[in-house]
Structures are given as structure tokens and as C-alpha cells.
Amino acid sequence: MSSFPSVSAPVDLRVEPVDGVLDEVERALQTQLVRGTLVRKRRSLGVRTDRGTWVRVERRRFDKIGSQGWNGTECAALLEGVAQPQWHRGTAWRQPGDAVMWRADETDLLPGAPIGSSVLATEPALPEQWWQAFNASLEALAEQHTSRVATPDTVMITQGGVAEAIHCFLPSDVDGTVERWLPAHADLNWANMTGPEFCLFDWEDWGMAPQGLDAASLWGNSLAVPALTERVRHERRHELESRDGKLMTLFICAKILAPDAHPEDPRLEPARLMAAQVAEDLQRG
């Protein structure tokens, strides 16, 4: 297997050698990978197999795995009524000499191409059936039962973390307590959904989260396209207009407006405007 830096050094799988990792996947899953189809992201790889399936491979440090494990894609296979690729099998192993784990999950191929990057710059041409299937899947997801806790950006979401994030917009005397926790995908963006047929994938971080996290996340990833932003708010208004939904809107705005945000990010100004509006609404009660 390829040699990687220690866990203290950042690792970007878009540039690191990964042939050894792919060799390990082939041995464990007893398949051949079509390496010409390899898609490389910062912390994950995706590649087609010779049996017409897809394998997603992720690298994760021990401190990002936690007590509930990181078999989110496998656990999501039990969800009912949610449009997602069928899961077939998975494997995990420790990177020798390092506090790092690798995991590979084999699923059906996607029914279409991902809609775009996680944050869109132009409005996608999505049919009405797509929005219907999107809503049906999110509603079905909210009705599931799980002991998993969502880990957006690989960090387990907590009441304390939410309160800390949103109080950069609110006075300390405004209650930031979340009322309802529901199952959420926890990484809802335009790179994790297909079109024109709706399918939701990359389930490694799903679990219980404040109501409205998914809706607010997709809203935040749409802010560079005003018409799309409004469409998302319209479709998920019952969540976003709830008190928890407003808290999640502030939670997402805090991420967008983080100190390390790129100064030319087109989402900055609309996020500032919405954060001010939502904070005022919450202070009025």
C-alpha cells in the first residue's frame, strides 16, 4: 500500500498516490476496478467496477470515526422510501502504522450524473418530477428511526455546537435550544444528488440532527443562484419557517461566513442578509 503522511499532516486524495489503496479494494471486494473511471475528491475516491457497480472509498482519521463507527452507507441501506443506490457490500481496514482507517462501499451505479458541484453557480434544469421525488425522499427519511447522530463535515452535531455557532448572530439571552431532532442526510448538496432522475447518495454522515438541517444546507449551497434559492425555500418551507429551521439557517450561515471564507464567495452577502433577518425573527419570538 502507498505510504501516506502522518495524521497530523493534511491529506488530499486528489493528489496523493492511491494505487495501493485501489489494489486493496480489489482484493477485499474480489472485483476489478475500471481505473479510467476514477473520481478523486479531497477525502474520498469513486470508481466503477467490472461488474457494473460503483465503489466509494474514504480515508478517515480515528478521531473522526467516534463510538458509532462510520458505516453510514451500509446503515442507510435499511432506509425505506428514500431514493438511493442499492448497497451490496463493504470493507474496512486500518492503514498500517497510522491512526487512519479506510472504508470501501460497493453500490449500484447512479441512475444519472450528479447535478453539479456542491455549490451551484447556474440554475439546473430539473423537471417537476425531480422535486416531487426529492420531497418524498426527505419526508420518508424524517420518519425513520436510528441511534446514529449526524456528522456534518465529519463532526458530530450537538446542541452545544449549534448554540455556539448561532450565537454569533444572536444575543446571549435568546434561547438556541433545538426542539426536534430527526434523521438527516447531513451532507445535502448538489454534488450528492442526480438528475434528471432523483437519487441521493454519499450517506456516510447521516443520522439524527435538528429539524431543517438538510433543507438549510441545500439552501446555503444554492445562494449563488437566487431563483434556485427561492425554489429550495419554497419546497422545504415547512421546515425552514419553523423555529428549528431558522436555527439551522443561522447554523449554515455561520459556516458560510466563517473567518476562512473566500472573500469572493457569491454566497457571502445573501447569507449575511438572511442571517440578519432570521436573527431578528427569532428575537421577536
C-alpha atoms as a PDB file:
ATOM      1  CA  MET A   1       0.000   0.000   0.000  1.00  0.00           C
ATOM      2  CA  SER A   2       1.112   3.543  -0.657  1.00  0.00           C
ATOM      3  CA  SER A   3       2.868   5.433   2.088  1.00  0.00           C
ATOM      4  CA  PHE A   4       0.938   8.428   3.458  1.00  0.00           C
ATOM      5  CA  PRO A   5       1.921  11.307   5.730  1.00  0.00           C
ATOM      6  CA  SER A   6       1.176  11.130   9.448  1.00  0.00           C
ATOM      7  CA  VAL A   7      -2.320  12.082  10.574  1.00  0.00           C
ATOM      8  CA  SER A   8      -1.086  15.487  11.699  1.00  0.00           C
ATOM      9  CA  ALA A   9      -0.451  16.425   8.086  1.00  0.00           C
ATOM     10  CA  PRO A  10      -3.377  17.231   5.774  1.00  0.00           C
ATOM     11  CA  VAL A  11      -4.050  14.621   3.116  1.00  0.00           C
ATOM     12  CA  ASP A  12      -5.727  15.389  -0.188  1.00  0.00           C
ATOM     13  CA  LEU A  13      -6.652  12.289  -2.184  1.00  0.00           C
ATOM     14  CA  ARG A  14      -6.837  14.392  -5.335  1.00  0.00           C
ATOM     15  CA  VAL A  15      -3.048  14.477  -5.395  1.00  0.00           C
ATOM     16  CA  GLU A  16      -1.847  11.577  -3.204  1.00  0.00           C
ATOM     17  CA  PRO A  17      -0.834   8.253  -4.827  1.00  0.00           C
ATOM     18  CA  VAL A  18      -3.717   5.801  -4.373  1.00  0.00           C
ATOM     19  CA  ASP A  19      -2.785   2.744  -6.438  1.00  0.00           C
ATOM     20  CA  GLY A  20      -2.091   0.727  -3.291  1.00  0.00           C
ATOM     21  CA  VAL A  21      -5.487   1.627  -1.862  1.00  0.00           C
ATOM     22  CA  LEU A  22      -7.230   0.566  -5.057  1.00  0.00           C
ATOM     23  CA  ASP A  23      -5.279  -2.709  -5.048  1.00  0.00           C
ATOM     24  CA  GLU A  24      -6.554  -3.373  -1.511  1.00  0.00           C
ATOM     25  CA  VAL A  25     -10.141  -2.655  -2.576  1.00  0.00           C
ATOM     26  CA  GLU A  26      -9.867  -5.104  -5.464  1.00  0.00           C
ATOM     27  CA  ARG A  27      -8.559  -7.843  -3.171  1.00  0.00           C
ATOM     28  CA  ALA A  28     -11.180  -7.265  -0.469  1.00  0.00           C
ATOM     29  CA  LEU A  29     -14.196  -6.977  -2.774  1.00  0.00           C
ATOM     30  CA  GLN A  30     -12.923  -9.540  -5.297  1.00  0.00           C
ATOM     31  CA  THR A  31     -13.509  -7.308  -8.279  1.00  0.00           C
ATOM     32  CA  GLN A  32     -11.548  -5.366 -10.859  1.00  0.00           C
ATOM     33  CA  LEU A  33     -11.768  -1.585 -10.789  1.00  0.00           C
ATOM     34  CA  VAL A  34     -12.077   0.310 -14.054  1.00  0.00           C
ATOM     35  CA  ARG A  35      -9.377   2.786 -13.137  1.00  0.00           C
ATOM     36  CA  GLY A  36     -10.067   5.049 -16.055  1.00  0.00           C
ATOM     37  CA  THR A  37     -13.355   5.995 -14.325  1.00  0.00           C
ATOM     38  CA  LEU A  38     -11.650   7.066 -11.086  1.00  0.00           C
ATOM     39  CA  VAL A  39     -13.090  10.220  -9.479  1.00  0.00           C
ATOM     40  CA  ARG A  40     -10.825  11.793  -6.877  1.00  0.00           C
ATOM     41  CA  LYS A  41     -12.048  14.124  -4.129  1.00  0.00           C
ATOM     42  CA  ARG A  42     -10.247  15.551  -1.138  1.00  0.00           C
ATOM     43  CA  ARG A  43     -11.053  12.687   1.244  1.00  0.00           C
ATOM     44  CA  SER A  44     -12.775  10.107  -0.949  1.00  0.00           C
ATOM     45  CA  LEU A  45     -12.420   8.190  -4.193  1.00  0.00           C
ATOM     46  CA  GLY A  46     -15.073   6.752  -6.507  1.00  0.00           C
ATOM     47  CA  VAL A  47     -14.581   4.191  -9.239  1.00  0.00           C
ATOM     48  CA  ARG A  48     -16.586   1.787 -11.384  1.00  0.00           C
ATOM     49  CA  THR A  49     -16.109  -1.998 -11.180  1.00  0.00           C
ATOM     50  CA  ASP A  50     -16.024  -4.577 -13.942  1.00  0.00           C
ATOM     51  CA  ARG A  51     -19.324  -5.987 -12.672  1.00  0.00           C
ATOM     52  CA  GLY A  52     -21.210  -2.779 -13.317  1.00  0.00           C
ATOM     53  CA  THR A  53     -21.241  -1.368  -9.789  1.00  0.00           C
ATOM     54  CA  TRP A  54     -19.643   1.644  -8.092  1.00  0.00           C
ATOM     55  CA  VAL A  55     -17.199   1.698  -5.193  1.00  0.00           C
ATOM     56  CA  ARG A  56     -16.714   4.671  -2.904  1.00  0.00           C
ATOM     57  CA  VAL A  57     -13.508   4.696  -0.853  1.00  0.00           C
ATOM     58  CA  GLU A  58     -12.941   7.039   2.079  1.00  0.00           C
ATOM     59  CA  ARG A  59      -9.978   7.777   4.320  1.00  0.00           C
ATOM     60  CA  ARG A  60     -10.774   8.908   7.854  1.00  0.00           C
ATOM     61  CA  ARG A  61      -8.700   9.531  10.982  1.00  0.00           C
ATOM     62  CA  PHE A  62      -9.554   7.677  14.186  1.00  0.00           C
ATOM     63  CA  ASP A  63     -10.649  10.906  15.879  1.00  0.00           C
ATOM     64  CA  LYS A  64     -13.220  11.430  13.111  1.00  0.00           C
ATOM     65  CA  ILE A  65     -14.777   7.977  13.469  1.00  0.00           C
ATOM     66  CA  GLY A  66     -16.091   8.031  17.033  1.00  0.00           C
ATOM     67  CA  SER A  67     -18.080   5.493  19.016  1.00  0.00           C
ATOM     68  CA  GLN A  68     -20.860   4.991  16.433  1.00  0.00           C
ATOM     69  CA  GLY A  69     -18.426   3.939  13.722  1.00  0.00           C
ATOM     70  CA  TRP A  70     -18.541   5.180  10.162  1.00  0.00           C
ATOM     71  CA  ASN A  71     -20.642   2.638   8.309  1.00  0.00           C
ATOM     72  CA  GLY A  72     -23.231   5.228   7.328  1.00  0.00           C
ATOM     73  CA  THR A  73     -23.684   3.978   3.759  1.00  0.00           C
ATOM     74  CA  GLU A  74     -24.242   0.431   4.996  1.00  0.00           C
ATOM     75  CA  CYS A  75     -26.743   1.570   7.645  1.00  0.00           C
ATOM     76  CA  ALA A  76     -28.579   3.728   5.101  1.00  0.00           C
ATOM     77  CA  ALA A  77     -29.357   0.563   3.128  1.00  0.00           C
ATOM     78  CA  LEU A  78     -32.155  -0.072   5.655  1.00  0.00           C
ATOM     79  CA  LEU A  79     -33.915   3.235   4.985  1.00  0.00           C
ATOM     80  CA  GLU A  80     -37.349   2.827   3.408  1.00  0.00           C
ATOM     81  CA  GLY A  81     -38.830   5.158   0.813  1.00  0.00           C
ATOM     82  CA  VAL A  82     -35.593   7.017   0.124  1.00  0.00           C
ATOM     83  CA  ALA A  83     -34.234   7.069  -3.443  1.00  0.00           C
ATOM     84  CA  GLN A  84     -30.623   5.917  -3.147  1.00  0.00           C
ATOM     85  CA  PRO A  85     -28.250   3.429  -4.813  1.00  0.00           C
ATOM     86  CA  GLN A  86     -28.641  -0.120  -3.513  1.00  0.00           C
ATOM     87  CA  TRP A  87     -25.782  -1.150  -1.201  1.00  0.00           C
ATOM     88  CA  HIS A  88     -24.097  -4.505  -1.887  1.00  0.00           C
ATOM     89  CA  ARG A  89     -21.092  -4.919   0.372  1.00  0.00           C
ATOM     90  CA  GLY A  90     -18.346  -3.063   2.203  1.00  0.00           C
ATOM     91  CA  THR A  91     -14.911  -3.494   3.722  1.00  0.00           C
ATOM     92  CA  ALA A  92     -12.705  -1.517   6.092  1.00  0.00           C
ATOM     93  CA  TRP A  93      -9.072  -1.714   7.158  1.00  0.00           C
ATOM     94  CA  ARG A  94      -6.522   0.176   9.189  1.00  0.00           C
ATOM     95  CA  GLN A  95      -3.640   1.922   7.498  1.00  0.00           C
ATOM     96  CA  PRO A  96      -0.502   0.232   8.888  1.00  0.00           C
ATOM     97  CA  GLY A  97       1.422   2.362  11.349  1.00  0.00           C
ATOM     98  CA  ASP A  98      -1.067   5.227  11.381  1.00  0.00           C
ATOM     99  CA  ALA A  99      -4.243   6.219  13.251  1.00  0.00           C
ATOM    100  CA  VAL A 100      -6.200   6.100   9.995  1.00  0.00           C
ATOM    101  CA  MET A 101      -8.928   3.829   8.633  1.00  0.00           C
ATOM    102  CA  TRP A 102     -10.021   3.181   5.071  1.00  0.00           C
ATOM    103  CA  ARG A 103     -13.502   2.074   4.078  1.00  0.00           C
ATOM    104  CA  ALA A 104     -14.923   0.955   0.731  1.00  0.00           C
ATOM    105  CA  ASP A 105     -18.634   0.551  -0.055  1.00  0.00           C
ATOM    106  CA  GLU A 106     -19.933  -1.062  -3.243  1.00  0.00           C
ATOM    107  CA  THR A 107     -23.321   0.093  -4.523  1.00  0.00           C
ATOM    108  CA  ASP A 108     -25.375   0.174  -7.692  1.00  0.00           C
ATOM    109  CA  LEU A 109     -24.390   2.729 -10.274  1.00  0.00           C
ATOM    110  CA  LEU A 110     -26.190   6.044 -10.075  1.00  0.00           C
ATOM    111  CA  PRO A 111     -29.234   6.466 -12.361  1.00  0.00           C
ATOM    112  CA  GLY A 112     -27.777   9.681 -13.775  1.00  0.00           C
ATOM    113  CA  ALA A 113     -24.963  12.167 -13.376  1.00  0.00           C
ATOM    114  CA  PRO A 114     -24.537  14.317 -10.249  1.00  0.00           C
ATOM    115  CA  ILE A 115     -26.344  17.619 -10.762  1.00  0.00           C
ATOM    116  CA  GLY A 116     -23.157  19.631 -10.352  1.00  0.00           C
ATOM    117  CA  SER A 117     -20.610  20.719  -7.792  1.00  0.00           C
ATOM    118  CA  SER A 118     -21.721  21.039  -4.175  1.00  0.00           C
ATOM    119  CA  VAL A 119     -22.387  24.777  -4.652  1.00  0.00           C
ATOM    120  CA  LEU A 120     -24.055  25.663  -7.953  1.00  0.00           C
ATOM    121  CA  ALA A 121     -23.315  28.775  -9.995  1.00  0.00           C
ATOM    122  CA  THR A 122     -26.150  28.280 -12.507  1.00  0.00           C
ATOM    123  CA  GLU A 123     -29.695  27.011 -12.172  1.00  0.00           C
ATOM    124  CA  PRO A 124     -30.080  23.324 -13.103  1.00  0.00           C
ATOM    125  CA  ALA A 125     -32.875  22.211 -15.448  1.00  0.00           C
ATOM    126  CA  LEU A 126     -34.780  19.900 -13.104  1.00  0.00           C
ATOM    127  CA  PRO A 127     -38.233  18.532 -14.017  1.00  0.00           C
ATOM    128  CA  GLU A 128     -41.166  18.768 -11.624  1.00  0.00           C
ATOM    129  CA  GLN A 129     -40.881  15.006 -11.052  1.00  0.00           C
ATOM    130  CA  TRP A 130     -37.418  15.589  -9.624  1.00  0.00           C
ATOM    131  CA  TRP A 131     -38.737  17.973  -6.973  1.00  0.00           C
ATOM    132  CA  GLN A 132     -41.553  15.560  -6.130  1.00  0.00           C
ATOM    133  CA  ALA A 133     -39.108  12.684  -5.649  1.00  0.00           C
ATOM    134  CA  PHE A 134     -36.762  14.970  -3.683  1.00  0.00           C
ATOM    135  CA  ASN A 135     -39.514  15.945  -1.258  1.00  0.00           C
ATOM    136  CA  ALA A 136     -40.805  12.377  -0.956  1.00  0.00           C
ATOM    137  CA  SER A 137     -37.355  11.090  -0.028  1.00  0.00           C
ATOM    138  CA  LEU A 138     -36.727  13.803   2.581  1.00  0.00           C
ATOM    139  CA  GLU A 139     -40.142  13.196   4.123  1.00  0.00           C
ATOM    140  CA  ALA A 140     -39.518   9.425   4.201  1.00  0.00           C
ATOM    141  CA  LEU A 141     -36.100   9.972   5.764  1.00  0.00           C
ATOM    142  CA  ALA A 142     -37.584  12.090   8.553  1.00  0.00           C
ATOM    143  CA  GLU A 143     -39.876   9.198   9.518  1.00  0.00           C
ATOM    144  CA  GLN A 144     -37.057   6.664  10.050  1.00  0.00           C
ATOM    145  CA  HIS A 145     -35.635   5.582  13.396  1.00  0.00           C
ATOM    146  CA  THR A 146     -31.912   5.469  14.144  1.00  0.00           C
ATOM    147  CA  SER A 147     -29.466   5.749  17.020  1.00  0.00           C
ATOM    148  CA  ARG A 148     -26.903   7.363  14.716  1.00  0.00           C
ATOM    149  CA  VAL A 149     -26.055  11.039  15.182  1.00  0.00           C
ATOM    150  CA  ALA A 150     -25.333  13.124  12.090  1.00  0.00           C
ATOM    151  CA  THR A 151     -21.735  14.159  11.474  1.00  0.00           C
ATOM    152  CA  PRO A 152     -21.813  17.092   9.017  1.00  0.00           C
ATOM    153  CA  ASP A 153     -18.267  17.804   7.835  1.00  0.00           C
ATOM    154  CA  THR A 154     -17.282  14.681   9.871  1.00  0.00           C
ATOM    155  CA  VAL A 155     -18.105  16.484  13.156  1.00  0.00           C
ATOM    156  CA  MET A 156     -20.914  15.076  15.313  1.00  0.00           C
ATOM    157  CA  ILE A 157     -23.657  17.671  15.612  1.00  0.00           C
ATOM    158  CA  THR A 158     -24.625  18.618  19.169  1.00  0.00           C
ATOM    159  CA  GLN A 159     -26.879  21.126  20.875  1.00  0.00           C
ATOM    160  CA  GLY A 160     -23.806  22.844  22.265  1.00  0.00           C
ATOM    161  CA  GLY A 161     -22.192  23.121  18.847  1.00  0.00           C
ATOM    162  CA  VAL A 162     -25.356  24.579  17.345  1.00  0.00           C
ATOM    163  CA  ALA A 163     -25.711  27.146  20.146  1.00  0.00           C
ATOM    164  CA  GLU A 164     -22.077  28.201  19.825  1.00  0.00           C
ATOM    165  CA  ALA A 165     -22.373  28.670  16.061  1.00  0.00           C
ATOM    166  CA  ILE A 166     -25.610  30.655  16.009  1.00  0.00           C
ATOM    167  CA  HIS A 167     -24.874  32.993  18.898  1.00  0.00           C
ATOM    168  CA  CYS A 168     -22.524  34.963  16.682  1.00  0.00           C
ATOM    169  CA  PHE A 169     -25.823  36.331  15.299  1.00  0.00           C
ATOM    170  CA  LEU A 170     -27.963  36.346  18.454  1.00  0.00           C
ATOM    171  CA  PRO A 171     -27.819  37.975  21.901  1.00  0.00           C
ATOM    172  CA  SER A 172     -26.851  35.536  24.646  1.00  0.00           C
ATOM    173  CA  ASP A 173     -30.335  35.703  26.181  1.00  0.00           C
ATOM    174  CA  VAL A 174     -32.006  34.238  23.062  1.00  0.00           C
ATOM    175  CA  ASP A 175     -32.619  30.518  23.541  1.00  0.00           C
ATOM    176  CA  GLY A 176     -30.841  28.434  20.919  1.00  0.00           C
ATOM    177  CA  THR A 177     -32.257  25.091  22.035  1.00  0.00           C
ATOM    178  CA  VAL A 178     -33.378  22.758  19.253  1.00  0.00           C
ATOM    179  CA  GLU A 179     -36.841  21.294  19.791  1.00  0.00           C
ATOM    180  CA  ARG A 180     -36.963  18.409  17.282  1.00  0.00           C
ATOM    181  CA  TRP A 181     -34.233  16.038  16.159  1.00  0.00           C
ATOM    182  CA  LEU A 182     -34.940  13.969  13.052  1.00  0.00           C
ATOM    183  CA  PRO A 183     -32.906  11.719  10.728  1.00  0.00           C
ATOM    184  CA  ALA A 184     -30.981  13.770   8.162  1.00  0.00           C
ATOM    185  CA  HIS A 185     -28.583  13.089   5.304  1.00  0.00           C
ATOM    186  CA  ALA A 186     -26.294  15.772   6.797  1.00  0.00           C
ATOM    187  CA  ASP A 187     -24.400  16.492   3.567  1.00  0.00           C
ATOM    188  CA  LEU A 188     -27.197  17.637   1.284  1.00  0.00           C
ATOM    189  CA  ASN A 189     -25.651  19.432  -1.655  1.00  0.00           C
ATOM    190  CA  TRP A 190     -25.903  19.404  -5.443  1.00  0.00           C
ATOM    191  CA  ALA A 191     -22.941  17.055  -5.874  1.00  0.00           C
ATOM    192  CA  ASN A 192     -24.711  14.328  -3.868  1.00  0.00           C
ATOM    193  CA  MET A 193     -27.912  14.198  -5.946  1.00  0.00           C
ATOM    194  CA  THR A 194     -28.521  13.060  -9.513  1.00  0.00           C
ATOM    195  CA  GLY A 195     -30.719  14.397 -12.289  1.00  0.00           C
ATOM    196  CA  PRO A 196     -32.945  14.289 -14.201  1.00  0.00           C
ATOM    197  CA  GLU A 197     -33.864  11.219 -12.113  1.00  0.00           C
ATOM    198  CA  PHE A 198     -33.569  11.996  -8.419  1.00  0.00           C
ATOM    199  CA  CYS A 199     -31.202   9.871  -6.351  1.00  0.00           C
ATOM    200  CA  LEU A 200     -29.432  10.805  -3.119  1.00  0.00           C
ATOM    201  CA  PHE A 201     -26.030   9.287  -2.361  1.00  0.00           C
ATOM    202  CA  ASP A 202     -22.957   9.602  -0.104  1.00  0.00           C
ATOM    203  CA  TRP A 203     -24.623   8.600   3.176  1.00  0.00           C
ATOM    204  CA  GLU A 204     -21.543   8.342   5.364  1.00  0.00           C
ATOM    205  CA  ASP A 205     -22.575  11.231   7.675  1.00  0.00           C
ATOM    206  CA  TRP A 206     -26.332  10.670   8.091  1.00  0.00           C
ATOM    207  CA  GLY A 207     -28.063  10.435  11.464  1.00  0.00           C
ATOM    208  CA  MET A 208     -30.188  12.379  13.920  1.00  0.00           C
ATOM    209  CA  ALA A 209     -29.951  16.153  13.524  1.00  0.00           C
ATOM    210  CA  PRO A 210     -32.000  19.261  14.239  1.00  0.00           C
ATOM    211  CA  GLN A 211     -35.086  19.550  12.061  1.00  0.00           C
ATOM    212  CA  GLY A 212     -34.254  21.578   8.975  1.00  0.00           C
ATOM    213  CA  LEU A 213     -30.528  20.801   8.724  1.00  0.00           C
ATOM    214  CA  ASP A 214     -30.831  19.257   5.256  1.00  0.00           C
ATOM    215  CA  ALA A 215     -33.127  21.973   3.961  1.00  0.00           C
ATOM    216  CA  ALA A 216     -30.864  24.725   5.293  1.00  0.00           C
ATOM    217  CA  SER A 217     -27.782  23.010   3.885  1.00  0.00           C
ATOM    218  CA  LEU A 218     -29.228  22.805   0.383  1.00  0.00           C
ATOM    219  CA  TRP A 219     -30.491  26.379   0.665  1.00  0.00           C
ATOM    220  CA  GLY A 220     -26.978  27.512   1.603  1.00  0.00           C
ATOM    221  CA  ASN A 221     -25.484  25.639  -1.333  1.00  0.00           C
ATOM    222  CA  SER A 222     -27.930  27.411  -3.669  1.00  0.00           C
ATOM    223  CA  LEU A 223     -27.289  31.004  -2.596  1.00  0.00           C
ATOM    224  CA  ALA A 224     -25.275  31.894  -5.699  1.00  0.00           C
ATOM    225  CA  VAL A 225     -28.428  31.325  -7.805  1.00  0.00           C
ATOM    226  CA  PRO A 226     -31.327  33.436  -6.437  1.00  0.00           C
ATOM    227  CA  ALA A 227     -34.056  31.565  -8.347  1.00  0.00           C
ATOM    228  CA  LEU A 228     -32.772  28.236  -7.055  1.00  0.00           C
ATOM    229  CA  THR A 229     -32.524  29.601  -3.524  1.00  0.00           C
ATOM    230  CA  GLU A 230     -36.177  30.583  -3.649  1.00  0.00           C
ATOM    231  CA  ARG A 231     -37.189  27.224  -5.098  1.00  0.00           C
ATOM    232  CA  VAL A 232     -35.479  25.361  -2.285  1.00  0.00           C
ATOM    233  CA  ARG A 233     -37.109  27.615   0.310  1.00  0.00           C
ATOM    234  CA  HIS A 234     -40.490  27.098  -1.342  1.00  0.00           C
ATOM    235  CA  GLU A 235     -40.171  23.311  -1.442  1.00  0.00           C
ATOM    236  CA  ARG A 236     -38.935  23.000   2.170  1.00  0.00           C
ATOM    237  CA  ARG A 237     -40.718  25.999   3.674  1.00  0.00           C
ATOM    238  CA  HIS A 238     -42.479  23.916   6.352  1.00  0.00           C
ATOM    239  CA  GLU A 239     -39.033  23.135   7.769  1.00  0.00           C
ATOM    240  CA  LEU A 240     -37.226  26.395   7.108  1.00  0.00           C
ATOM    241  CA  GLU A 241     -40.038  28.519   8.547  1.00  0.00           C
ATOM    242  CA  SER A 242     -40.121  26.511  11.783  1.00  0.00           C
ATOM    243  CA  ARG A 243     -38.114  27.709  14.778  1.00  0.00           C
ATOM    244  CA  ASP A 244     -35.673  24.829  14.389  1.00  0.00           C
ATOM    245  CA  GLY A 245     -35.397  25.597  10.689  1.00  0.00           C
ATOM    246  CA  LYS A 246     -34.457  29.170  11.480  1.00  0.00           C
ATOM    247  CA  LEU A 247     -31.804  27.955  13.912  1.00  0.00           C
ATOM    248  CA  MET A 248     -30.419  25.679  11.195  1.00  0.00           C
ATOM    249  CA  THR A 249     -30.420  28.563   8.724  1.00  0.00           C
ATOM    250  CA  LEU A 250     -28.229  30.513  11.138  1.00  0.00           C
ATOM    251  CA  PHE A 251     -26.061  27.407  11.645  1.00  0.00           C
ATOM    252  CA  ILE A 252     -25.423  27.191   7.900  1.00  0.00           C
ATOM    253  CA  CYS A 253     -24.907  30.946   7.585  1.00  0.00           C
ATOM    254  CA  ALA A 254     -22.258  30.716  10.311  1.00  0.00           C
ATOM    255  CA  LYS A 255     -20.401  28.124   8.222  1.00  0.00           C
ATOM    256  CA  ILE A 256     -20.632  30.208   5.054  1.00  0.00           C
ATOM    257  CA  LEU A 257     -19.482  33.347   6.875  1.00  0.00           C
ATOM    258  CA  ALA A 258     -16.627  31.634   8.731  1.00  0.00           C
ATOM    259  CA  PRO A 259     -13.372  33.623   9.126  1.00  0.00           C
ATOM    260  CA  ASP A 260     -11.674  31.485   6.473  1.00  0.00           C
ATOM    261  CA  ALA A 261     -14.416  32.109   3.873  1.00  0.00           C
ATOM    262  CA  HIS A 262     -13.189  33.083   0.413  1.00  0.00           C
ATOM    263  CA  PRO A 263     -13.800  36.824   0.012  1.00  0.00           C
ATOM    264  CA  GLU A 264     -15.254  36.309  -3.486  1.00  0.00           C
ATOM    265  CA  ASP A 265     -17.733  33.610  -2.471  1.00  0.00           C
ATOM    266  CA  PRO A 266     -21.032  34.828  -4.026  1.00  0.00           C
ATOM    267  CA  ARG A 267     -22.960  33.385  -1.085  1.00  0.00           C
ATOM    268  CA  LEU A 268     -21.499  35.790   1.475  1.00  0.00           C
ATOM    269  CA  GLU A 269     -23.814  38.760   1.005  1.00  0.00           C
ATOM    270  CA  PRO A 270     -27.090  36.784   0.738  1.00  0.00           C
ATOM    271  CA  ALA A 271     -26.023  34.762   3.797  1.00  0.00           C
ATOM    272  CA  ARG A 272     -25.395  37.974   5.770  1.00  0.00           C
ATOM    273  CA  LEU A 273     -28.783  39.379   4.774  1.00  0.00           C
ATOM    274  CA  MET A 274     -30.649  36.183   5.650  1.00  0.00           C
ATOM    275  CA  ALA A 275     -28.798  35.783   8.955  1.00  0.00           C
ATOM    276  CA  ALA A 276     -29.809  39.292   9.990  1.00  0.00           C
ATOM    277  CA  GLN A 277     -33.429  38.662   9.012  1.00  0.00           C
ATOM    278  CA  VAL A 278     -33.671  35.307  10.766  1.00  0.00           C
ATOM    279  CA  ALA A 279     -31.931  36.612  13.889  1.00  0.00           C
ATOM    280  CA  GLU A 280     -34.475  39.426  14.066  1.00  0.00           C
ATOM    281  CA  ASP A 281     -37.338  36.948  13.664  1.00  0.00           C
ATOM    282  CA  LEU A 282     -36.010  34.763  16.476  1.00  0.00           C
ATOM    283  CA  GLN A 283     -35.553  37.732  18.820  1.00  0.00           C
ATOM    284  CA  ARG A 284     -39.169  38.748  18.219  1.00  0.00           C
ATOM    285  CA  GLY A 285     -40.148  35.265  19.331  1.00  0.00           C
END
